[in-house]
Amino acid sequence: MELLPTYLLLAGAAFAAGIMNAVAGGGTFITFPALVFTGVPSVIANASNQVALLPGYLASAWAYRHDFQNFEKVSFKAMTAVSLVGGVIGAVLLLRTPERTFDVIVPWLLLAATLIFAFGPRITPRLQQLFTLGPAALLFIQFLVGIYGGYFGGAAGIIMLALYSLYGLTNLNIMNATKTLVSGLINAIAVVIFVVVGKVAWPQTLVMLVAAALGGYYGAQVARTMNPKLLRAGVIVISVSVTAAFFARQFG
C-alpha cells in the first residue's frame, strides 16, 4: 500500500478503536487486523497494537478519574499488582511464540474474543444467579486476565466487566473506570517489554498513538450518552468478519 493511504487507514482504525474501548470494548478487532493488512508481521503487529492503544486507555482512565473506588475487601493496589504480574507473563509468552505459530493461533484468539464479546453480557447474569466471587477468586482471575491481556487482549475489557459483576458490583461507571485503568496498566507493562526488545513498528504505531488517544478521550466523554447496544452490535459484525477473514487467510 502507498504510504499516505496506509497511515490514514491506521489513524482511522486507531481513532475508532479508542472510542470503542472507552464505550463498549473491542478496539483490537479493528487495529490489529489493520496493522496486519498493511504488511506488519503478526507478532510485531500485536505488540505494536498494544503500544498504539495504550494512550487511549490512559486518556479514558483520566476521563473516568472521578469514578475510581476500591472494591469491597479488595484494594485497587492488589488489583493492580496481580494485573501487572500477569501482563509481564503474557508479554513474555508472546515474545517466545514463533511467528508461524502465532499466525496459526491468531484466528482462534479472535474467535474466542468474538464469542466472549458477543455472549459474555448474556451469560454473566445467569452466572450471577449461581454464585458470587470472593476476594481471592477475583484476584486470581484478574491475574489470568492480565496474562491474556499481555499476550493478546481482545475482549479483555468484557471479561473484566463480567468478573466485576460476578463480584457483586453494579455501578457501571466504577466498573468501567477500573476496567479502563487496569487494562491500561496491563498494556503499559507489556509495552515496556515490547519496546525494550524492539518488537514495535514505530512509524505505524506513532500515527495510531495519537489517534487512539483522541478516540479514547472522546469515547469516555460521550460514553454516558451513546447507545452501547448499537455500538456493540457493530463491533460484533466487525469481529465476526475479521475472524472469518483470518481463518480464510490461514486455510485459503
Protein backbone atom coordinates (compact mmCIF):
# COMPACT_ATOMS: atom_id res chain seq x y z
CA MET A 1 0.00 0.00 0.00
CA GLU A 2 1.09 3.60 -0.58
CA LEU A 3 2.34 5.47 2.47
CA LEU A 4 -0.39 8.12 2.88
CA PRO A 5 -3.38 5.76 2.45
CA THR A 6 -1.70 3.32 4.87
CA TYR A 7 -1.31 5.92 7.60
CA LEU A 8 -4.81 7.27 7.03
CA LEU A 9 -6.20 3.74 7.39
CA LEU A 10 -4.22 3.13 10.59
CA ALA A 11 -5.19 6.51 12.07
CA GLY A 12 -8.87 5.93 11.35
CA ALA A 13 -8.73 2.43 12.80
CA ALA A 14 -6.98 3.66 15.96
CA PHE A 15 -9.41 6.54 16.49
CA ALA A 16 -12.38 4.19 16.14
CA ALA A 17 -10.71 1.67 18.46
CA GLY A 18 -10.15 4.33 21.11
CA ILE A 19 -13.86 5.18 21.08
CA MET A 20 -14.87 1.52 21.11
CA ASN A 21 -12.60 0.65 24.04
CA ALA A 22 -13.97 3.54 26.09
CA VAL A 23 -17.63 2.73 25.40
CA ALA A 24 -18.03 -0.97 24.69
CA GLY A 25 -14.59 -2.56 24.16
CA GLY A 26 -13.37 -4.49 21.13
CA GLY A 27 -10.93 -1.98 19.65
CA THR A 28 -8.38 -4.68 18.94
CA PHE A 29 -10.77 -6.13 16.34
CA ILE A 30 -10.02 -3.07 14.20
CA THR A 31 -6.42 -2.07 14.94
CA PHE A 32 -4.70 -5.47 14.90
CA PRO A 33 -6.17 -6.52 11.51
CA ALA A 34 -5.38 -3.04 10.15
CA LEU A 35 -1.70 -3.49 11.03
CA VAL A 36 -1.58 -6.99 9.54
CA PHE A 37 -3.41 -5.79 6.42
CA THR A 38 -0.80 -3.08 5.89
CA GLY A 39 2.00 -5.63 5.96
CA VAL A 40 3.20 -5.75 9.57
CA PRO A 41 4.13 -9.32 10.73
CA SER A 42 1.59 -10.69 13.19
CA VAL A 43 3.71 -10.80 16.38
CA ILE A 44 5.05 -7.29 15.76
CA ALA A 45 1.53 -6.17 14.80
CA ASN A 46 0.17 -7.49 18.10
CA ALA A 47 2.92 -5.77 20.09
CA SER A 48 2.54 -2.53 18.11
CA ASN A 49 -1.23 -2.69 18.58
CA GLN A 50 -0.80 -2.76 22.34
CA VAL A 51 1.56 0.22 22.19
CA ALA A 52 -0.83 2.14 19.94
CA LEU A 53 -3.88 1.60 22.15
CA LEU A 54 -2.14 2.47 25.43
CA PRO A 55 -2.75 6.26 25.25
CA GLY A 56 -6.41 5.60 24.50
CA TYR A 57 -6.76 3.54 27.67
CA LEU A 58 -4.95 6.15 29.75
CA ALA A 59 -6.95 9.02 28.25
CA SER A 60 -10.18 7.17 29.04
CA ALA A 61 -8.94 6.43 32.56
CA TRP A 62 -8.27 10.15 33.08
CA ALA A 63 -11.78 10.97 31.91
CA TYR A 64 -13.13 8.41 34.42
CA ARG A 65 -10.88 9.70 37.22
CA HIS A 66 -13.77 10.81 39.46
CA ASP A 67 -15.33 7.34 39.40
CA PHE A 68 -12.45 5.32 40.90
CA GLN A 69 -13.19 3.45 44.13
CA ASN A 70 -11.68 0.47 45.93
CA PHE A 71 -13.75 -2.69 45.71
CA GLU A 72 -15.12 -4.01 48.98
CA LYS A 73 -12.43 -6.21 50.63
CA VAL A 74 -10.10 -5.81 47.61
CA SER A 75 -7.83 -2.80 47.30
CA PHE A 76 -7.02 -1.22 43.97
CA LYS A 77 -3.33 -1.78 44.75
CA ALA A 78 -3.91 -5.55 44.91
CA MET A 79 -5.84 -5.47 41.62
CA THR A 80 -3.00 -3.52 40.05
CA ALA A 81 -0.30 -5.85 41.36
CA VAL A 82 -1.82 -9.09 40.06
CA SER A 83 -2.67 -7.44 36.74
CA LEU A 84 0.88 -6.20 36.21
CA VAL A 85 2.42 -9.57 37.04
CA GLY A 86 0.01 -11.26 34.64
CA GLY A 87 0.77 -8.67 31.97
CA VAL A 88 4.50 -9.38 32.21
CA ILE A 89 3.93 -13.13 31.87
CA GLY A 90 1.62 -12.63 28.88
CA ALA A 91 4.06 -10.31 27.10
CA VAL A 92 6.95 -12.74 27.61
CA LEU A 93 4.82 -15.63 26.31
CA LEU A 94 4.02 -13.61 23.17
CA LEU A 95 7.70 -12.89 22.53
CA ARG A 96 8.53 -16.56 22.93
CA THR A 97 5.86 -17.61 20.42
CA PRO A 98 7.31 -18.16 16.91
CA GLU A 99 5.76 -16.02 14.17
CA ARG A 100 4.38 -19.01 12.26
CA THR A 101 2.87 -20.46 15.42
CA PHE A 102 1.24 -17.14 16.29
CA ASP A 103 -0.23 -16.93 12.78
CA VAL A 104 -1.96 -20.26 13.49
CA ILE A 105 -3.14 -19.14 16.93
CA VAL A 106 -4.46 -15.71 15.91
CA PRO A 107 -7.75 -16.83 14.25
CA TRP A 108 -8.61 -18.89 17.33
CA LEU A 109 -7.80 -15.98 19.65
CA LEU A 110 -10.05 -13.76 17.55
CA LEU A 111 -12.81 -16.39 17.60
CA ALA A 112 -12.58 -16.73 21.40
CA ALA A 113 -12.61 -12.94 21.82
CA THR A 114 -15.59 -12.63 19.47
CA LEU A 115 -17.60 -15.23 21.39
CA ILE A 116 -16.76 -13.59 24.72
CA PHE A 117 -17.69 -10.17 23.38
CA ALA A 118 -20.94 -11.39 21.83
CA PHE A 119 -22.23 -13.69 24.57
CA GLY A 120 -20.43 -12.57 27.74
CA PRO A 121 -23.04 -9.98 28.78
CA ARG A 122 -25.83 -12.54 28.32
CA ILE A 123 -24.08 -15.28 30.27
CA THR A 124 -22.98 -13.08 33.19
CA PRO A 125 -26.50 -12.55 34.69
CA ARG A 126 -27.08 -16.31 34.66
CA LEU A 127 -23.77 -16.93 36.39
CA GLN A 128 -24.69 -14.30 39.00
CA GLN A 129 -27.69 -16.41 39.94
CA LEU A 130 -25.43 -19.41 40.58
CA PHE A 131 -22.55 -17.92 42.56
CA THR A 132 -20.69 -14.80 43.68
CA LEU A 133 -16.93 -14.49 43.56
CA GLY A 134 -14.91 -13.88 46.72
CA PRO A 135 -11.85 -11.62 47.01
CA ALA A 136 -9.29 -14.41 46.42
CA ALA A 137 -11.11 -15.68 43.33
CA LEU A 138 -11.42 -12.13 41.98
CA LEU A 139 -7.67 -11.54 42.30
CA PHE A 140 -6.76 -14.91 40.79
CA ILE A 141 -8.99 -14.46 37.75
CA GLN A 142 -7.74 -10.89 37.36
CA PHE A 143 -4.21 -12.33 37.27
CA LEU A 144 -5.27 -14.69 34.45
CA VAL A 145 -6.88 -11.79 32.60
CA GLY A 146 -3.58 -9.95 32.98
CA ILE A 147 -1.77 -12.82 31.24
CA TYR A 148 -4.29 -12.80 28.42
CA GLY A 149 -4.09 -9.02 28.18
CA GLY A 150 -0.31 -9.04 27.90
CA TYR A 151 -0.43 -11.78 25.26
CA PHE A 152 -3.31 -10.57 23.07
CA GLY A 153 -6.06 -8.76 24.94
CA GLY A 154 -9.03 -8.89 22.56
CA ALA A 155 -12.27 -8.53 24.61
CA ALA A 156 -10.27 -8.42 27.86
CA GLY A 157 -12.40 -5.47 28.95
CA ILE A 158 -15.57 -7.52 28.54
CA ILE A 159 -14.07 -10.29 30.66
CA MET A 160 -13.21 -7.77 33.38
CA LEU A 161 -16.69 -6.27 33.42
CA ALA A 162 -18.18 -9.76 33.76
CA LEU A 163 -15.67 -10.54 36.51
CA TYR A 164 -16.59 -7.42 38.47
CA SER A 165 -20.30 -8.17 38.04
CA LEU A 166 -19.76 -11.65 39.48
CA TYR A 167 -18.02 -10.00 42.42
CA GLY A 168 -21.23 -8.11 43.09
CA LEU A 169 -20.55 -4.66 41.63
CA THR A 170 -23.44 -2.86 39.98
CA ASN A 171 -22.18 0.70 39.38
CA LEU A 172 -21.18 0.69 35.70
CA ASN A 173 -19.14 3.89 35.97
CA ILE A 174 -16.98 2.43 38.76
CA MET A 175 -16.61 -0.84 36.83
CA ASN A 176 -15.68 0.96 33.61
CA ALA A 177 -13.20 3.19 35.42
CA THR A 178 -11.43 0.21 36.99
CA LYS A 179 -11.54 -1.84 33.79
CA THR A 180 -10.12 1.00 31.73
CA LEU A 181 -7.24 1.83 34.07
CA VAL A 182 -6.33 -1.81 34.76
CA SER A 183 -6.39 -2.54 31.02
CA GLY A 184 -4.10 0.43 30.51
CA LEU A 185 -1.69 -0.78 33.18
CA ILE A 186 -1.57 -4.28 31.69
CA ASN A 187 -0.86 -2.73 28.31
CA ALA A 188 1.73 -0.40 29.82
CA ILE A 189 3.84 -3.14 31.37
CA ALA A 190 3.62 -5.19 28.17
CA VAL A 191 4.57 -2.12 26.14
CA VAL A 192 7.72 -1.58 28.19
CA ILE A 193 8.81 -5.13 27.40
CA PHE A 194 7.94 -4.87 23.68
CA VAL A 195 9.84 -1.57 23.36
CA VAL A 196 12.92 -2.88 25.16
CA VAL A 197 13.21 -5.92 22.89
CA GLY A 198 12.47 -3.92 19.72
CA LYS A 199 9.19 -5.55 18.66
CA VAL A 200 7.36 -2.34 17.72
CA ALA A 201 6.75 -0.98 14.21
CA TRP A 202 7.27 2.65 15.21
CA PRO A 203 6.17 4.63 12.11
CA GLN A 204 2.77 2.95 12.07
CA THR A 205 2.48 2.91 15.85
CA LEU A 206 3.17 6.63 16.34
CA VAL A 207 0.36 7.54 13.96
CA MET A 208 -2.00 5.24 15.82
CA LEU A 209 -0.89 6.51 19.25
CA VAL A 210 -2.26 9.98 18.66
CA ALA A 211 -5.47 8.81 17.00
CA ALA A 212 -6.20 6.23 19.73
CA ALA A 213 -5.67 8.79 22.49
CA LEU A 214 -8.10 11.21 20.83
CA GLY A 215 -10.63 8.44 20.31
CA GLY A 216 -10.24 7.17 23.87
CA TYR A 217 -10.79 10.56 25.45
CA TYR A 218 -13.70 11.40 23.17
CA GLY A 219 -15.27 7.98 23.78
CA ALA A 220 -15.09 8.33 27.55
CA GLN A 221 -16.63 11.79 27.39
CA VAL A 222 -19.66 10.62 25.41
CA ALA A 223 -19.96 7.12 26.92
CA ARG A 224 -22.83 8.21 29.16
CA THR A 225 -24.92 9.39 26.19
CA MET A 226 -24.11 6.85 23.48
CA ASN A 227 -26.20 3.74 22.94
CA PRO A 228 -23.74 0.95 23.77
CA LYS A 229 -26.07 -1.73 22.37
CA LEU A 230 -25.83 -0.30 18.86
CA LEU A 231 -22.07 0.07 19.14
CA ARG A 232 -21.75 -3.48 20.47
CA ALA A 233 -23.76 -4.78 17.53
CA GLY A 234 -21.40 -3.02 15.15
CA VAL A 235 -18.36 -4.42 16.96
CA ILE A 236 -19.79 -7.94 16.73
CA VAL A 237 -20.31 -7.59 12.98
CA ILE A 238 -16.74 -6.35 12.59
CA SER A 239 -15.28 -9.06 14.82
CA VAL A 240 -17.10 -11.87 13.02
CA SER A 241 -15.94 -10.52 9.66
CA VAL A 242 -12.33 -10.14 10.82
CA THR A 243 -12.28 -13.62 12.39
CA ALA A 244 -13.64 -15.17 9.19
CA ALA A 245 -11.04 -13.30 7.15
CA PHE A 246 -8.18 -14.60 9.31
CA PHE A 247 -9.46 -18.16 9.11
CA ALA A 248 -9.73 -17.80 5.31
CA ARG A 249 -6.20 -16.38 5.25
CA GLN A 250 -4.90 -19.36 7.20
CA PHE A 251 -6.74 -22.13 5.36
CA GLY A 252 -7.18 -20.50 1.97
